[in-house]
Amino acid sequence: MDIVQPAIGLIFWTLISFVILLFILGKFAWKPILGAVTERERSIEEALSKAEAAKDEMSRLTNENEALLKKTLAERDMILAEAKQLKDQIVGEAKEAAQTEGARMIENARIEINNQKAIALADVKNQVASLSIEIAEKILRKQFEDAHKQDELVSDLLKEVKLK
């Protein structure tokens, strides 16, 4: 039963030991422990506020990056649209220039063909005229060998001519 009900002396000395321990702890250890706890609490709050600030900064940077990305994509789309428009314009101008040049070349070829045709026709006419003159000359020489035939030809020609 002594274990369940301690003696009064044991309680007294335990109480004295506890009060002395409390006094020593209060005098030497309590302030440093509370200071360390307070410092730890302050550093944790500081770390949390820095983490919150870093989170806010990260959110701001993310928003800025997204805005910059959207702006860059819009600029890229605008540049691509301008490049496509410029390409279409250059292609259109090249087609128009090619058609104009083709039409000019065709017209030059047509003129050259007409010139060559006229030259060829003139040459054929000259050759036909020369041949006709040669043939007429040969026929006339043959007919004029006989004087009687000459007189007949002159009289036939005179009959055809009508005097006015």
Protein backbone atom coordinates (compact mmCIF):
# COMPACT_ATOMS: atom_id res chain seq x y z
CA MET A 1 0.00 0.00 0.00
CA ASP A 2 2.88 2.31 0.26
CA ILE A 3 3.12 2.45 -3.47
CA VAL A 4 -0.41 3.63 -3.96
CA GLN A 5 -0.32 6.08 -1.04
CA PRO A 6 3.05 7.77 -0.83
CA ALA A 7 4.31 9.11 2.43
CA ILE A 8 4.08 12.79 3.20
CA GLY A 9 7.89 13.19 3.21
CA LEU A 10 8.11 11.84 -0.32
CA ILE A 11 5.47 14.27 -1.48
CA PHE A 12 7.27 17.15 0.28
CA TRP A 13 10.68 16.39 -1.23
CA THR A 14 9.16 15.77 -4.68
CA LEU A 15 7.37 19.08 -4.46
CA ILE A 16 10.55 20.88 -3.35
CA SER A 17 12.54 19.25 -6.16
CA PHE A 18 9.87 20.27 -8.65
CA VAL A 19 9.81 23.89 -7.43
CA ILE A 20 13.63 24.08 -7.55
CA LEU A 21 13.59 22.57 -11.05
CA LEU A 22 10.92 25.08 -12.07
CA PHE A 23 12.98 27.95 -10.59
CA ILE A 24 16.16 26.82 -12.35
CA LEU A 25 14.35 26.25 -15.61
CA GLY A 26 12.56 29.63 -15.27
CA LYS A 27 15.79 31.43 -14.45
CA PHE A 28 18.13 29.82 -17.03
CA ALA A 29 16.25 27.74 -19.61
CA TRP A 30 12.73 29.19 -19.97
CA LYS A 31 13.78 32.46 -21.69
CA PRO A 32 16.16 30.78 -24.18
CA ILE A 33 13.58 28.09 -24.95
CA LEU A 34 10.81 30.68 -25.42
CA GLY A 35 13.22 32.83 -27.47
CA ALA A 36 14.11 29.85 -29.65
CA VAL A 37 10.43 28.97 -30.07
CA THR A 38 9.57 32.60 -30.85
CA GLU A 39 12.49 32.84 -33.30
CA ARG A 40 11.44 29.58 -34.92
CA GLU A 41 7.84 30.82 -35.15
CA ARG A 42 9.03 34.11 -36.67
CA SER A 43 11.28 32.32 -39.20
CA ILE A 44 8.42 30.00 -40.17
CA GLU A 45 6.09 32.98 -40.64
CA GLU A 46 8.81 34.72 -42.67
CA ALA A 47 9.32 31.62 -44.81
CA LEU A 48 5.56 31.35 -45.33
CA SER A 49 5.30 35.02 -46.32
CA LYS A 50 8.29 34.65 -48.67
CA ALA A 51 6.71 31.52 -50.15
CA GLU A 52 3.44 33.42 -50.61
CA ALA A 53 5.33 36.32 -52.21
CA ALA A 54 7.20 33.86 -54.44
CA LYS A 55 3.89 32.23 -55.34
CA ASP A 56 2.41 35.64 -56.20
CA GLU A 57 5.52 36.54 -58.20
CA MET A 58 5.38 33.19 -60.02
CA SER A 59 1.71 33.78 -60.80
CA ARG A 60 2.49 37.28 -62.09
CA LEU A 61 5.38 35.97 -64.20
CA THR A 62 3.19 33.18 -65.55
CA ASN A 63 0.52 35.72 -66.52
CA GLU A 64 3.16 37.93 -68.12
CA ASN A 65 4.58 34.94 -70.01
CA GLU A 66 1.13 33.98 -71.23
CA ALA A 67 0.42 37.55 -72.34
CA LEU A 68 3.81 37.74 -74.05
CA LEU A 69 3.20 34.38 -75.71
CA LYS A 70 -0.22 35.54 -76.95
CA LYS A 71 1.31 38.77 -78.24
CA THR A 72 4.12 36.85 -79.94
CA LEU A 73 1.67 34.42 -81.52
CA ALA A 74 -0.46 37.33 -82.75
CA GLU A 75 2.63 39.00 -84.23
CA ARG A 76 3.67 35.72 -85.84
CA ASP A 77 0.21 35.29 -87.35
CA MET A 78 0.29 38.87 -88.61
CA ILE A 79 3.76 38.39 -90.13
CA LEU A 80 2.67 35.14 -91.77
CA ALA A 81 -0.45 36.84 -93.17
CA GLU A 82 1.65 39.70 -94.53
CA ALA A 83 4.14 37.23 -96.03
CA LYS A 84 1.30 35.28 -97.68
CA GLN A 85 -0.21 38.50 -99.04
CA LEU A 86 3.18 39.60 -100.35
CA LYS A 87 3.74 36.17 -101.92
CA ASP A 88 0.32 36.30 -103.60
CA GLN A 89 1.05 39.81 -104.85
CA ILE A 90 4.46 38.81 -106.23
CA VAL A 91 2.99 35.71 -107.89
CA GLY A 92 0.18 37.81 -109.39
CA GLU A 93 2.63 40.40 -110.68
CA ALA A 94 4.85 37.65 -112.11
CA LYS A 95 1.85 36.05 -113.85
CA GLU A 96 0.75 39.39 -115.24
CA ALA A 97 4.28 40.17 -116.43
CA ALA A 98 4.55 36.71 -118.01
CA GLN A 99 1.21 37.15 -119.79
CA THR A 100 2.20 40.61 -121.02
CA GLU A 101 5.57 39.33 -122.22
CA GLY A 102 3.90 36.31 -123.85
CA ALA A 103 1.39 38.53 -125.64
CA ARG A 104 4.19 40.83 -126.80
CA MET A 105 6.22 37.86 -128.07
CA ILE A 106 3.16 36.45 -129.86
CA GLU A 107 2.47 39.83 -131.47
CA ASN A 108 6.13 40.14 -132.52
CA ALA A 109 6.00 36.63 -133.98
CA ARG A 110 2.75 37.45 -135.82
CA ILE A 111 4.32 40.62 -137.27
CA GLU A 112 7.45 38.69 -138.25
CA ILE A 113 5.33 35.97 -139.89
CA ASN A 114 3.32 38.59 -141.82
CA ASN A 115 6.55 40.28 -142.90
CA GLN A 116 8.05 36.99 -144.02
CA LYS A 117 4.78 36.11 -145.77
CA ALA A 118 4.75 39.47 -147.59
CA ILE A 119 8.39 39.00 -148.59
CA ALA A 120 7.66 35.48 -149.82
CA LEU A 121 4.57 36.64 -151.75
CA ALA A 122 6.53 39.51 -153.31
CA ASP A 123 9.26 37.05 -154.26
CA VAL A 124 6.71 34.64 -155.78
CA LYS A 125 5.05 37.53 -157.66
CA ASN A 126 8.41 38.65 -158.98
CA GLN A 127 9.26 35.14 -160.08
CA VAL A 128 5.82 34.70 -161.71
CA ALA A 129 6.18 38.07 -163.45
CA SER A 130 9.66 37.15 -164.66
CA LEU A 131 8.46 33.78 -165.89
CA SER A 132 5.41 35.39 -167.55
CA ILE A 133 7.61 37.93 -169.30
CA GLU A 134 10.01 35.22 -170.45
CA ILE A 135 7.13 33.08 -171.72
CA ALA A 136 5.49 36.07 -173.43
CA GLU A 137 8.81 37.07 -174.93
CA LYS A 138 9.40 33.58 -176.27
CA ILE A 139 5.86 33.39 -177.66
CA LEU A 140 6.14 36.83 -179.26
CA ARG A 141 9.54 36.04 -180.79
CA LYS A 142 8.14 32.90 -182.25
CA GLN A 143 5.06 34.68 -183.60
CA PHE A 144 6.98 37.65 -184.94
CA GLU A 145 9.33 35.50 -186.98
CA ASP A 146 6.74 35.52 -189.68
CA ALA A 147 5.86 39.03 -191.06
CA HIS A 148 2.40 37.96 -192.16
CA LYS A 149 1.52 36.94 -188.60
CA GLN A 150 2.74 40.33 -187.36
CA ASP A 151 0.41 42.17 -189.69
CA GLU A 152 -2.53 40.01 -188.62
CA LEU A 153 -1.83 40.65 -184.94
CA VAL A 154 -1.63 44.42 -185.50
CA SER A 155 -4.89 44.43 -187.43
CA ASP A 156 -6.64 42.32 -184.74
CA LEU A 157 -5.43 44.69 -182.06
CA LEU A 158 -6.62 47.69 -184.02
CA LYS A 159 -10.05 46.16 -184.37
CA GLU A 160 -10.29 45.69 -180.58
CA VAL A 161 -9.32 49.27 -179.86
CA LYS A 162 -12.31 51.60 -180.03
CA LEU A 163 -11.75 55.21 -180.71
CA LYS A 164 -13.61 57.62 -178.60
